[in-house]
Amino acid sequence: MLTPTSTLANGGTARAPPRKPFNMIPYCSRKTEVVNVSSRAGLLKQIPNDELKARFLDKNLTIDQLDGLIAQFIEYAKQGTHIQHGYSGSAYGMSKIGVTAMTFLQQKMFNSDPGADLVVNAV
């Protein structure tokens, strides 16, 4: 599954279309379970900055805001300043934090369709 901004896993920095994971919703049956593959490396404890953690946990977080957080990490990582800005030192970990946050956003979107039985989880 793509993160909102990039496929950082495997050391890559290729950008992915921000809404690509959300485009699958019209193709889902009325009863669907989605499993996004995350990792223990994606636990928020990997982010040392409490204010930054709070931004990822914000119940009003949007896909655009999540995309911005990941894009900001990429820019800081290119400059070698991501740790000083409170991000994790691991690109892989940040990609998995993005996947987990995206999972919450997907479930929130699925919940907006009262006639569907759609469930999304990250493992």
C-alpha atoms as a PDB file:
ATOM      1  CA  MET A   1       0.000   0.000   0.000  1.00  0.00           C
ATOM      2  CA  LEU A   2       1.313   3.439  -0.856  1.00  0.00           C
ATOM      3  CA  THR A   3       1.772   6.090   1.779  1.00  0.00           C
ATOM      4  CA  PRO A   4       0.097   9.425   1.078  1.00  0.00           C
ATOM      5  CA  THR A   5       3.235  11.046  -0.229  1.00  0.00           C
ATOM      6  CA  SER A   6       5.832   8.480  -1.056  1.00  0.00           C
ATOM      7  CA  THR A   7       7.094   4.972  -1.016  1.00  0.00           C
ATOM      8  CA  LEU A   8       9.886   5.524   1.465  1.00  0.00           C
ATOM      9  CA  ALA A   9      10.314   1.843   2.226  1.00  0.00           C
ATOM     10  CA  ASN A  10      13.411   0.272   0.714  1.00  0.00           C
ATOM     11  CA  GLY A  11      15.161   3.642   0.826  1.00  0.00           C
ATOM     12  CA  GLY A  12      13.144   5.109  -2.051  1.00  0.00           C
ATOM     13  CA  THR A  13      11.791   8.615  -2.261  1.00  0.00           C
ATOM     14  CA  ALA A  14       9.458   8.200  -5.245  1.00  0.00           C
ATOM     15  CA  ARG A  15       6.307  10.238  -4.827  1.00  0.00           C
ATOM     16  CA  ALA A  16       2.984   8.472  -5.093  1.00  0.00           C
ATOM     17  CA  PRO A  17      -0.300  10.118  -6.027  1.00  0.00           C
ATOM     18  CA  PRO A  18      -1.653  11.339  -2.656  1.00  0.00           C
ATOM     19  CA  ARG A  19      -5.151   9.949  -3.108  1.00  0.00           C
ATOM     20  CA  LYS A  20      -4.336   6.701  -4.894  1.00  0.00           C
ATOM     21  CA  PRO A  21      -5.200   4.497  -1.873  1.00  0.00           C
ATOM     22  CA  PHE A  22      -8.563   6.238  -1.608  1.00  0.00           C
ATOM     23  CA  ASN A  23      -9.481   5.647  -5.261  1.00  0.00           C
ATOM     24  CA  MET A  24     -10.179   1.988  -4.505  1.00  0.00           C
ATOM     25  CA  ILE A  25     -13.303   2.771  -2.479  1.00  0.00           C
ATOM     26  CA  PRO A  26     -15.736   2.877  -5.443  1.00  0.00           C
ATOM     27  CA  TYR A  27     -14.546  -0.611  -6.446  1.00  0.00           C
ATOM     28  CA  CYS A  28     -15.084  -2.195  -3.041  1.00  0.00           C
ATOM     29  CA  SER A  29     -18.059  -4.450  -2.464  1.00  0.00           C
ATOM     30  CA  ARG A  30     -20.586  -3.416   0.180  1.00  0.00           C
ATOM     31  CA  LYS A  31     -18.788  -5.700   2.642  1.00  0.00           C
ATOM     32  CA  THR A  32     -15.043  -5.166   2.435  1.00  0.00           C
ATOM     33  CA  GLU A  33     -12.068  -5.575   4.724  1.00  0.00           C
ATOM     34  CA  VAL A  34      -8.836  -3.740   3.892  1.00  0.00           C
ATOM     35  CA  VAL A  35      -5.539  -4.561   5.589  1.00  0.00           C
ATOM     36  CA  ASN A  36      -2.664  -2.099   5.250  1.00  0.00           C
ATOM     37  CA  VAL A  37       0.766  -3.503   6.061  1.00  0.00           C
ATOM     38  CA  SER A  38       2.538  -1.427   8.688  1.00  0.00           C
ATOM     39  CA  SER A  39       5.253  -2.323  11.176  1.00  0.00           C
ATOM     40  CA  ARG A  40       6.394  -1.826  14.749  1.00  0.00           C
ATOM     41  CA  ALA A  41       8.846   0.609  13.176  1.00  0.00           C
ATOM     42  CA  GLY A  42       5.793   2.779  12.545  1.00  0.00           C
ATOM     43  CA  LEU A  43       4.838   3.267  16.177  1.00  0.00           C
ATOM     44  CA  LEU A  44       4.502   6.932  17.096  1.00  0.00           C
ATOM     45  CA  LYS A  45       7.061   6.494  19.854  1.00  0.00           C
ATOM     46  CA  GLN A  46       9.593   6.689  16.999  1.00  0.00           C
ATOM     47  CA  ILE A  47       8.807  10.419  16.787  1.00  0.00           C
ATOM     48  CA  PRO A  48      10.535  12.150  19.715  1.00  0.00           C
ATOM     49  CA  ASN A  49       8.681  15.472  19.349  1.00  0.00           C
ATOM     50  CA  ASP A  50       5.344  15.509  21.224  1.00  0.00           C
ATOM     51  CA  GLU A  51       3.915  18.372  19.153  1.00  0.00           C
ATOM     52  CA  LEU A  52       4.657  16.496  15.933  1.00  0.00           C
ATOM     53  CA  LYS A  53       3.127  13.313  17.377  1.00  0.00           C
ATOM     54  CA  ALA A  54      -0.003  15.290  18.204  1.00  0.00           C
ATOM     55  CA  ARG A  55      -0.285  16.396  14.582  1.00  0.00           C
ATOM     56  CA  PHE A  56      -0.307  12.758  13.431  1.00  0.00           C
ATOM     57  CA  LEU A  57      -2.879  11.893  16.132  1.00  0.00           C
ATOM     58  CA  ASP A  58      -5.189  14.858  15.444  1.00  0.00           C
ATOM     59  CA  LYS A  59      -8.719  13.468  15.010  1.00  0.00           C
ATOM     60  CA  ASN A  60      -9.338  16.179  12.397  1.00  0.00           C
ATOM     61  CA  LEU A  61      -6.255  15.275  10.340  1.00  0.00           C
ATOM     62  CA  THR A  62      -6.940  15.375   6.596  1.00  0.00           C
ATOM     63  CA  ILE A  63      -5.232  13.529   3.766  1.00  0.00           C
ATOM     64  CA  ASP A  64      -3.752  16.855   2.625  1.00  0.00           C
ATOM     65  CA  GLN A  65      -2.314  17.493   6.080  1.00  0.00           C
ATOM     66  CA  LEU A  66      -0.902  13.968   6.287  1.00  0.00           C
ATOM     67  CA  ASP A  67       0.596  14.370   2.833  1.00  0.00           C
ATOM     68  CA  GLY A  68       2.139  17.637   4.038  1.00  0.00           C
ATOM     69  CA  LEU A  69       3.660  16.010   7.123  1.00  0.00           C
ATOM     70  CA  ILE A  70       5.264  13.278   5.042  1.00  0.00           C
ATOM     71  CA  ALA A  71       6.420  15.746   2.365  1.00  0.00           C
ATOM     72  CA  GLN A  72       7.938  17.904   5.109  1.00  0.00           C
ATOM     73  CA  PHE A  73       9.795  14.867   6.465  1.00  0.00           C
ATOM     74  CA  ILE A  74      11.174  14.143   2.983  1.00  0.00           C
ATOM     75  CA  GLU A  75      12.405  17.720   2.582  1.00  0.00           C
ATOM     76  CA  TYR A  76      14.024  17.751   6.018  1.00  0.00           C
ATOM     77  CA  ALA A  77      15.587  14.326   5.346  1.00  0.00           C
ATOM     78  CA  LYS A  78      17.087  15.609   2.096  1.00  0.00           C
ATOM     79  CA  GLN A  79      18.624  18.469   4.096  1.00  0.00           C
ATOM     80  CA  GLY A  80      19.720  16.106   6.865  1.00  0.00           C
ATOM     81  CA  THR A  81      17.680  18.052   9.443  1.00  0.00           C
ATOM     82  CA  HIS A  82      14.707  15.714   9.987  1.00  0.00           C
ATOM     83  CA  ILE A  83      15.849  14.624  13.449  1.00  0.00           C
ATOM     84  CA  GLN A  84      16.367  18.233  14.561  1.00  0.00           C
ATOM     85  CA  HIS A  85      12.799  18.958  13.417  1.00  0.00           C
ATOM     86  CA  GLY A  86      11.429  16.181  15.630  1.00  0.00           C
ATOM     87  CA  TYR A  87      10.948  13.442  13.047  1.00  0.00           C
ATOM     88  CA  SER A  88      12.165   9.864  13.340  1.00  0.00           C
ATOM     89  CA  GLY A  89      15.624   9.048  12.083  1.00  0.00           C
ATOM     90  CA  SER A  90      14.161   6.203  10.019  1.00  0.00           C
ATOM     91  CA  ALA A  91      12.641   6.743   6.565  1.00  0.00           C
ATOM     92  CA  TYR A  92      11.132   3.254   6.774  1.00  0.00           C
ATOM     93  CA  GLY A  93       9.595   4.073  10.160  1.00  0.00           C
ATOM     94  CA  MET A  94       8.155   7.336   8.846  1.00  0.00           C
ATOM     95  CA  SER A  95       6.635   5.522   5.868  1.00  0.00           C
ATOM     96  CA  LYS A  96       4.921   3.118   8.267  1.00  0.00           C
ATOM     97  CA  ILE A  97       3.717   5.967  10.494  1.00  0.00           C
ATOM     98  CA  GLY A  98       2.204   7.410   7.315  1.00  0.00           C
ATOM     99  CA  VAL A  99       0.531   4.077   6.485  1.00  0.00           C
ATOM    100  CA  THR A 100      -0.977   3.819   9.963  1.00  0.00           C
ATOM    101  CA  ALA A 101      -2.256   7.408   9.912  1.00  0.00           C
ATOM    102  CA  MET A 102      -3.677   6.835   6.425  1.00  0.00           C
ATOM    103  CA  THR A 103      -5.473   3.744   7.744  1.00  0.00           C
ATOM    104  CA  PHE A 104      -7.361   5.886  10.252  1.00  0.00           C
ATOM    105  CA  LEU A 105      -8.275   8.319   7.467  1.00  0.00           C
ATOM    106  CA  GLN A 106      -9.528   5.476   5.271  1.00  0.00           C
ATOM    107  CA  GLN A 107     -11.720   4.104   8.059  1.00  0.00           C
ATOM    108  CA  LYS A 108     -13.084   7.592   8.684  1.00  0.00           C
ATOM    109  CA  MET A 109     -14.007   7.819   5.001  1.00  0.00           C
ATOM    110  CA  PHE A 110     -15.540   4.337   5.022  1.00  0.00           C
ATOM    111  CA  ASN A 111     -17.638   5.310   8.038  1.00  0.00           C
ATOM    112  CA  SER A 112     -19.249   8.072   5.962  1.00  0.00           C
ATOM    113  CA  ASP A 113     -21.103   5.437   3.892  1.00  0.00           C
ATOM    114  CA  PRO A 114     -23.871   4.196   6.215  1.00  0.00           C
ATOM    115  CA  GLY A 115     -24.977   1.440   3.830  1.00  0.00           C
ATOM    116  CA  ALA A 116     -21.612  -0.225   3.579  1.00  0.00           C
ATOM    117  CA  ASP A 117     -19.820  -2.623   5.879  1.00  0.00           C
ATOM    118  CA  LEU A 118     -16.254  -1.480   5.236  1.00  0.00           C
ATOM    119  CA  VAL A 119     -13.429  -2.113   7.686  1.00  0.00           C
ATOM    120  CA  VAL A 120      -9.801  -1.062   7.372  1.00  0.00           C
ATOM    121  CA  ASN A 121      -6.949  -2.078   9.663  1.00  0.00           C
ATOM    122  CA  ALA A 122      -3.185  -1.791   9.781  1.00  0.00           C
ATOM    123  CA  VAL A 123      -1.019  -4.644  10.995  1.00  0.00           C
END
